[in-house]
Amino acid sequence: MQKDIYVWTAGDLLNSFKKHKPEIYKYLQEIKTHLGKPDEAKFLESEYKKMPAISVDYAISEREKNFYVVAGDFFWTDIGDWREVWANSKKDNKSNVIISGDEPGGEVMTFDTSDALVHSDGRMVALVGLDNVIVVDTKDALLVCSKSHAQSVKKVVEELKEKKRVDLL
């Protein structure tokens, strides 16, 4: 299947931000000064939250004149929700996707369960008699939803933002 995908050098991409979205370029330059430093991850997270929420299409590609798109014949998917993670992951004989984190534990057991995605980042998680569900267990939160409602997880994120629960985002 043919896909169109953006290809840039880092310098060209930065120059496009500088020209068309200087407010984003300013954040990128600040982030650059923290790369490789102990506070890199924390600073990146902090600055990213301050940046305007705009796609690269609107920010740059619709404005840039010296711009090309390369057509390629390869598999590509834009993972936008947990259902896409399930669809693009290796499955067991009951179409379950099991993802265990790096923490000790993270064990998952399934009985009479199919078409599920289970992510455990530390605790034992057991599913019994469930189909088409997503279970994501981290040290901070537990998410359980049907795969058909995977896009609705955005509602949880929006409410957490409204309640200023940045510790859970």
C-alpha atoms as a PDB file:
ATOM      1  CA  MET A   1       0.000   0.000   0.000  1.00  0.00           C
ATOM      2  CA  GLN A   2       1.460   3.356  -1.010  1.00  0.00           C
ATOM      3  CA  LYS A   3       1.842   5.954   1.740  1.00  0.00           C
ATOM      4  CA  ASP A   4       3.045   9.526   1.644  1.00  0.00           C
ATOM      5  CA  ILE A   5       5.433  10.385   4.441  1.00  0.00           C
ATOM      6  CA  TYR A   6       7.388  13.467   5.405  1.00  0.00           C
ATOM      7  CA  VAL A   7      11.165  13.317   5.218  1.00  0.00           C
ATOM      8  CA  TRP A   8      13.338  16.136   6.578  1.00  0.00           C
ATOM      9  CA  THR A   9      16.795  16.784   7.803  1.00  0.00           C
ATOM     10  CA  ALA A  10      16.726  18.078  11.367  1.00  0.00           C
ATOM     11  CA  GLY A  11      18.168  21.403  10.205  1.00  0.00           C
ATOM     12  CA  ASP A  12      15.528  21.899   7.505  1.00  0.00           C
ATOM     13  CA  LEU A  13      12.733  21.072   9.928  1.00  0.00           C
ATOM     14  CA  LEU A  14      14.074  23.541  12.510  1.00  0.00           C
ATOM     15  CA  ASN A  15      14.450  26.237   9.850  1.00  0.00           C
ATOM     16  CA  SER A  16      10.828  25.712   8.802  1.00  0.00           C
ATOM     17  CA  PHE A  17       9.678  26.090  12.394  1.00  0.00           C
ATOM     18  CA  LYS A  18      11.817  29.224  12.728  1.00  0.00           C
ATOM     19  CA  LYS A  19      10.262  30.725   9.600  1.00  0.00           C
ATOM     20  CA  HIS A  20       6.613  29.666  10.029  1.00  0.00           C
ATOM     21  CA  LYS A  21       6.111  29.038  13.759  1.00  0.00           C
ATOM     22  CA  PRO A  22       8.733  30.994  15.688  1.00  0.00           C
ATOM     23  CA  GLU A  23       6.892  30.450  18.972  1.00  0.00           C
ATOM     24  CA  ILE A  24       7.445  26.681  18.601  1.00  0.00           C
ATOM     25  CA  TYR A  25      11.021  27.219  17.423  1.00  0.00           C
ATOM     26  CA  LYS A  26      11.702  29.139  20.646  1.00  0.00           C
ATOM     27  CA  TYR A  27      10.610  26.126  22.726  1.00  0.00           C
ATOM     28  CA  LEU A  28      12.691  23.763  20.583  1.00  0.00           C
ATOM     29  CA  GLN A  29      15.781  25.881  21.160  1.00  0.00           C
ATOM     30  CA  GLU A  30      15.191  25.828  24.923  1.00  0.00           C
ATOM     31  CA  ILE A  31      14.764  22.058  24.841  1.00  0.00           C
ATOM     32  CA  LYS A  32      18.005  21.737  22.862  1.00  0.00           C
ATOM     33  CA  THR A  33      19.968  23.317  25.719  1.00  0.00           C
ATOM     34  CA  HIS A  34      18.823  20.517  28.062  1.00  0.00           C
ATOM     35  CA  LEU A  35      19.509  17.515  25.796  1.00  0.00           C
ATOM     36  CA  GLY A  36      21.848  15.032  27.449  1.00  0.00           C
ATOM     37  CA  LYS A  37      21.524  16.682  30.857  1.00  0.00           C
ATOM     38  CA  PRO A  38      20.044  15.034  33.968  1.00  0.00           C
ATOM     39  CA  ASP A  39      16.903  17.188  33.768  1.00  0.00           C
ATOM     40  CA  GLU A  40      16.305  16.427  30.062  1.00  0.00           C
ATOM     41  CA  ALA A  41      13.128  14.345  30.436  1.00  0.00           C
ATOM     42  CA  LYS A  42      11.534  16.617  33.025  1.00  0.00           C
ATOM     43  CA  PHE A  43      12.364  19.768  31.050  1.00  0.00           C
ATOM     44  CA  LEU A  44      11.107  18.247  27.778  1.00  0.00           C
ATOM     45  CA  GLU A  45       7.812  17.286  29.408  1.00  0.00           C
ATOM     46  CA  SER A  46       7.426  20.748  30.923  1.00  0.00           C
ATOM     47  CA  GLU A  47       8.166  22.626  27.684  1.00  0.00           C
ATOM     48  CA  TYR A  48       6.103  20.296  25.501  1.00  0.00           C
ATOM     49  CA  LYS A  49       2.998  21.076  27.576  1.00  0.00           C
ATOM     50  CA  LYS A  50       3.515  24.794  26.907  1.00  0.00           C
ATOM     51  CA  MET A  51       3.772  24.420  23.126  1.00  0.00           C
ATOM     52  CA  PRO A  52       0.811  25.195  20.853  1.00  0.00           C
ATOM     53  CA  ALA A  53      -1.242  22.124  19.944  1.00  0.00           C
ATOM     54  CA  ILE A  54      -0.906  22.157  16.160  1.00  0.00           C
ATOM     55  CA  SER A  55      -0.088  19.437  13.658  1.00  0.00           C
ATOM     56  CA  VAL A  56       3.007  19.667  11.497  1.00  0.00           C
ATOM     57  CA  ASP A  57       0.645  19.830   8.491  1.00  0.00           C
ATOM     58  CA  TYR A  58      -0.865  23.136   9.598  1.00  0.00           C
ATOM     59  CA  ALA A  59       2.271  24.502  11.232  1.00  0.00           C
ATOM     60  CA  ILE A  60       4.714  23.900   8.398  1.00  0.00           C
ATOM     61  CA  SER A  61       3.814  21.797   5.370  1.00  0.00           C
ATOM     62  CA  GLU A  62       0.883  23.961   4.235  1.00  0.00           C
ATOM     63  CA  ARG A  63       3.131  27.044   4.425  1.00  0.00           C
ATOM     64  CA  GLU A  64       6.483  25.746   3.167  1.00  0.00           C
ATOM     65  CA  LYS A  65       7.350  26.287  -0.493  1.00  0.00           C
ATOM     66  CA  ASN A  66      10.531  24.181  -0.601  1.00  0.00           C
ATOM     67  CA  PHE A  67       8.787  20.999   0.426  1.00  0.00           C
ATOM     68  CA  TYR A  68       8.507  17.506  -0.996  1.00  0.00           C
ATOM     69  CA  VAL A  69       6.635  14.373  -0.037  1.00  0.00           C
ATOM     70  CA  VAL A  70       8.126  10.973  -0.779  1.00  0.00           C
ATOM     71  CA  ALA A  71       5.778   8.147  -1.774  1.00  0.00           C
ATOM     72  CA  GLY A  72       6.750   4.804  -0.324  1.00  0.00           C
ATOM     73  CA  ASP A  73       5.448   1.270  -0.528  1.00  0.00           C
ATOM     74  CA  PHE A  74       5.773   0.083   3.075  1.00  0.00           C
ATOM     75  CA  PHE A  75       3.648  -0.555   6.124  1.00  0.00           C
ATOM     76  CA  TRP A  76       2.884   2.474   8.282  1.00  0.00           C
ATOM     77  CA  THR A  77       0.338   3.225  10.940  1.00  0.00           C
ATOM     78  CA  ASP A  78      -0.184   6.228  13.128  1.00  0.00           C
ATOM     79  CA  ILE A  79      -0.713   4.742  16.590  1.00  0.00           C
ATOM     80  CA  GLY A  80      -3.278   7.087  18.073  1.00  0.00           C
ATOM     81  CA  ASP A  81      -4.968   4.923  20.667  1.00  0.00           C
ATOM     82  CA  TRP A  82      -4.701   1.591  22.504  1.00  0.00           C
ATOM     83  CA  ARG A  83      -6.827  -0.191  19.884  1.00  0.00           C
ATOM     84  CA  GLU A  84      -4.114   0.607  17.326  1.00  0.00           C
ATOM     85  CA  VAL A  85      -1.471  -0.735  19.715  1.00  0.00           C
ATOM     86  CA  TRP A  86      -3.478  -3.992  19.893  1.00  0.00           C
ATOM     87  CA  ALA A  87      -3.951  -4.129  16.104  1.00  0.00           C
ATOM     88  CA  ASN A  88      -0.206  -3.698  15.480  1.00  0.00           C
ATOM     89  CA  SER A  89       1.179  -6.021  18.161  1.00  0.00           C
ATOM     90  CA  LYS A  90       1.997  -9.713  18.323  1.00  0.00           C
ATOM     91  CA  LYS A  91      -0.946 -11.705  19.639  1.00  0.00           C
ATOM     92  CA  ASP A  92      -1.240 -15.012  21.466  1.00  0.00           C
ATOM     93  CA  ASN A  93      -3.476 -17.871  20.290  1.00  0.00           C
ATOM     94  CA  LYS A  94      -6.597 -16.052  21.611  1.00  0.00           C
ATOM     95  CA  SER A  95      -5.666 -12.736  19.958  1.00  0.00           C
ATOM     96  CA  ASN A  96      -4.555 -11.214  23.254  1.00  0.00           C
ATOM     97  CA  VAL A  97      -1.677  -8.734  23.391  1.00  0.00           C
ATOM     98  CA  ILE A  98       0.291  -8.856  26.622  1.00  0.00           C
ATOM     99  CA  ILE A  99       2.719  -6.033  27.397  1.00  0.00           C
ATOM    100  CA  SER A 100       4.720  -6.246  30.601  1.00  0.00           C
ATOM    101  CA  GLY A 101       6.694  -3.253  31.736  1.00  0.00           C
ATOM    102  CA  ASP A 102      10.215  -3.116  33.071  1.00  0.00           C
ATOM    103  CA  GLU A 103       9.155  -3.122  36.714  1.00  0.00           C
ATOM    104  CA  PRO A 104       9.418  -6.311  38.764  1.00  0.00           C
ATOM    105  CA  GLY A 105       6.121  -8.160  38.575  1.00  0.00           C
ATOM    106  CA  GLY A 106       4.119  -7.086  35.612  1.00  0.00           C
ATOM    107  CA  GLU A 107       2.772 -10.610  35.302  1.00  0.00           C
ATOM    108  CA  VAL A 108      -0.416 -11.124  33.304  1.00  0.00           C
ATOM    109  CA  MET A 109      -2.756 -14.129  33.313  1.00  0.00           C
ATOM    110  CA  THR A 110      -5.778 -14.557  31.054  1.00  0.00           C
ATOM    111  CA  PHE A 111      -8.527 -17.175  31.307  1.00  0.00           C
ATOM    112  CA  ASP A 112     -11.413 -17.396  28.825  1.00  0.00           C
ATOM    113  CA  THR A 113     -10.314 -14.001  27.513  1.00  0.00           C
ATOM    114  CA  SER A 114      -9.787 -13.004  23.898  1.00  0.00           C
ATOM    115  CA  ASP A 115      -8.999  -9.982  21.750  1.00  0.00           C
ATOM    116  CA  ALA A 116      -7.664  -8.091  24.780  1.00  0.00           C
ATOM    117  CA  LEU A 117      -4.731  -5.764  25.255  1.00  0.00           C
ATOM    118  CA  VAL A 118      -3.215  -5.965  28.723  1.00  0.00           C
ATOM    119  CA  HIS A 119      -0.360  -3.744  29.859  1.00  0.00           C
ATOM    120  CA  SER A 120       1.026  -4.305  33.333  1.00  0.00           C
ATOM    121  CA  ASP A 121       3.809  -2.205  34.728  1.00  0.00           C
ATOM    122  CA  GLY A 122       4.439  -3.898  38.047  1.00  0.00           C
ATOM    123  CA  ARG A 123       1.443  -5.661  39.502  1.00  0.00           C
ATOM    124  CA  MET A 124      -0.076  -9.016  38.686  1.00  0.00           C
ATOM    125  CA  VAL A 125      -3.098  -8.550  36.419  1.00  0.00           C
ATOM    126  CA  ALA A 126      -5.571 -11.383  35.829  1.00  0.00           C
ATOM    127  CA  LEU A 127      -8.424 -11.275  33.327  1.00  0.00           C
ATOM    128  CA  VAL A 128     -11.215 -13.829  33.451  1.00  0.00           C
ATOM    129  CA  GLY A 129     -14.006 -14.121  30.896  1.00  0.00           C
ATOM    130  CA  LEU A 130     -13.402 -10.822  29.115  1.00  0.00           C
ATOM    131  CA  ASP A 131     -13.329 -10.051  25.413  1.00  0.00           C
ATOM    132  CA  ASN A 132     -12.380  -6.955  23.418  1.00  0.00           C
ATOM    133  CA  VAL A 133     -11.034  -5.003  26.377  1.00  0.00           C
ATOM    134  CA  ILE A 134      -8.051  -2.814  27.086  1.00  0.00           C
ATOM    135  CA  VAL A 135      -6.413  -2.924  30.507  1.00  0.00           C
ATOM    136  CA  VAL A 136      -3.482  -0.628  31.198  1.00  0.00           C
ATOM    137  CA  ASP A 137      -2.057  -0.853  34.705  1.00  0.00           C
ATOM    138  CA  THR A 138       0.743   1.527  35.671  1.00  0.00           C
ATOM    139  CA  LYS A 139       2.147   2.566  39.025  1.00  0.00           C
ATOM    140  CA  ASP A 140      -0.059   5.685  38.953  1.00  0.00           C
ATOM    141  CA  ALA A 141      -3.338   4.601  37.401  1.00  0.00           C
ATOM    142  CA  LEU A 142      -5.497   1.784  36.058  1.00  0.00           C
ATOM    143  CA  LEU A 143      -7.415   2.092  32.786  1.00  0.00           C
ATOM    144  CA  VAL A 144     -10.070  -0.431  31.780  1.00  0.00           C
ATOM    145  CA  CYS A 145     -12.183   0.104  28.670  1.00  0.00           C
ATOM    146  CA  SER A 146     -13.707  -1.765  25.777  1.00  0.00           C
ATOM    147  CA  LYS A 147     -11.701  -1.587  22.566  1.00  0.00           C
ATOM    148  CA  SER A 148     -14.696   0.036  20.886  1.00  0.00           C
ATOM    149  CA  HIS A 149     -14.304   2.999  23.253  1.00  0.00           C
ATOM    150  CA  ALA A 150     -10.517   3.383  22.957  1.00  0.00           C
ATOM    151  CA  GLN A 151     -10.854   6.842  21.388  1.00  0.00           C
ATOM    152  CA  SER A 152     -12.897   7.950  24.412  1.00  0.00           C
ATOM    153  CA  VAL A 153      -9.798   7.756  26.602  1.00  0.00           C
ATOM    154  CA  LYS A 154      -9.311  11.347  25.425  1.00  0.00           C
ATOM    155  CA  LYS A 155     -12.224  12.273  27.715  1.00  0.00           C
ATOM    156  CA  VAL A 156     -10.279  10.980  30.702  1.00  0.00           C
ATOM    157  CA  VAL A 157      -7.253  13.018  29.656  1.00  0.00           C
ATOM    158  CA  GLU A 158      -9.389  16.148  29.217  1.00  0.00           C
ATOM    159  CA  GLU A 159     -10.933  15.761  32.671  1.00  0.00           C
ATOM    160  CA  LEU A 160      -7.539  15.178  34.268  1.00  0.00           C
ATOM    161  CA  LYS A 161      -6.325  18.387  32.630  1.00  0.00           C
ATOM    162  CA  GLU A 162      -9.401  20.281  33.888  1.00  0.00           C
ATOM    163  CA  LYS A 163      -8.737  19.000  37.405  1.00  0.00           C
ATOM    164  CA  LYS A 164      -5.051  19.927  37.010  1.00  0.00           C
ATOM    165  CA  ARG A 165      -3.983  16.327  37.683  1.00  0.00           C
ATOM    166  CA  VAL A 166      -0.763  16.656  35.670  1.00  0.00           C
ATOM    167  CA  ASP A 167       0.737  13.961  37.907  1.00  0.00           C
ATOM    168  CA  LEU A 168      -1.420  11.432  36.038  1.00  0.00           C
ATOM    169  CA  LEU A 169      -0.800  12.645  32.495  1.00  0.00           C
END
